[in-house]
Amino acid sequence: MLDVHCPDCGRTLIGPRQIISMRATGEGIRVAYVCWCGRAGVEVTGRRRRPAGASRPPAPARAA
């Protein structure tokens, strides 16, 4: 299930049958879908891709 915002229905959940395509982009995962009402839309989800050569944030300290 994926939470999307349809201009006609508002916030709604769609299932795998409503997903047309998924593509990784620099902004996140671009999901093209068709809402239950029949309107097509695009939602960008996931984390932004880190630029090449960017260092990872430090790991949180663990208690001993």
Protein backbone atom coordinates (compact mmCIF):
# COMPACT_ATOMS: atom_id res chain seq x y z
CA MET A 1 0.00 0.00 0.00
CA LEU A 2 1.13 3.54 -0.75
CA ASP A 3 -0.24 6.77 0.72
CA VAL A 4 -0.76 9.32 -2.08
CA HIS A 5 -2.50 12.66 -2.50
CA CYS A 6 -5.05 12.68 -5.32
CA PRO A 7 -6.27 16.16 -6.37
CA ASP A 8 -9.84 14.78 -6.59
CA CYS A 9 -9.99 12.35 -3.63
CA GLY A 10 -7.42 13.88 -1.27
CA ARG A 11 -5.18 11.59 0.76
CA THR A 12 -5.82 7.95 -0.11
CA LEU A 13 -4.16 4.54 -0.13
CA ILE A 14 -3.45 2.72 -3.37
CA GLY A 15 -2.36 -0.87 -3.88
CA PRO A 16 0.05 -2.53 -6.34
CA ARG A 17 -2.59 -2.74 -9.07
CA GLN A 18 -2.85 1.06 -9.17
CA ILE A 19 0.92 1.56 -9.63
CA ILE A 20 1.91 2.08 -13.27
CA SER A 21 5.67 2.54 -12.87
CA MET A 22 8.44 3.26 -10.36
CA ARG A 23 11.74 4.95 -11.18
CA ALA A 24 14.66 6.04 -9.00
CA THR A 25 15.57 9.71 -9.46
CA GLY A 26 17.80 12.18 -7.63
CA GLU A 27 14.78 13.39 -5.64
CA GLY A 28 13.62 9.92 -4.55
CA ILE A 29 11.47 7.17 -6.05
CA ARG A 30 9.02 8.51 -8.66
CA VAL A 31 5.81 6.47 -8.56
CA ALA A 32 3.27 6.90 -11.36
CA TYR A 33 -0.18 5.66 -10.35
CA VAL A 34 -3.89 5.69 -11.16
CA CYS A 35 -6.13 6.57 -8.21
CA TRP A 36 -9.29 4.63 -7.40
CA CYS A 37 -11.26 7.48 -9.02
CA GLY A 38 -9.37 6.96 -12.32
CA ARG A 39 -7.16 10.06 -12.17
CA ALA A 40 -3.46 9.56 -13.01
CA GLY A 41 -0.83 11.05 -10.72
CA VAL A 42 2.82 11.00 -9.69
CA GLU A 43 4.18 10.80 -6.14
CA VAL A 44 7.87 11.13 -5.16
CA THR A 45 8.75 9.09 -2.10
CA GLY A 46 11.79 7.68 -0.35
CA ARG A 47 15.06 9.31 0.61
CA ARG A 48 17.00 11.75 -1.52
CA ARG A 49 20.08 10.31 -3.17
CA ARG A 50 23.34 11.42 -1.56
CA PRO A 51 25.71 13.21 -3.98
CA ALA A 52 28.65 11.11 -5.19
CA GLY A 53 31.58 11.40 -2.80
CA ALA A 54 29.47 12.66 0.10
CA SER A 55 30.44 11.18 3.42
CA ARG A 56 27.99 9.17 5.50
CA PRO A 57 26.70 10.70 8.70
CA PRO A 58 28.34 9.23 11.82
CA ALA A 59 26.64 6.21 13.35
CA PRO A 60 24.92 6.80 16.71
CA ALA A 61 26.93 5.74 19.76
CA ARG A 62 25.93 2.42 21.31
CA ALA A 63 25.60 1.80 25.02
CA ALA A 64 28.09 -0.70 26.38
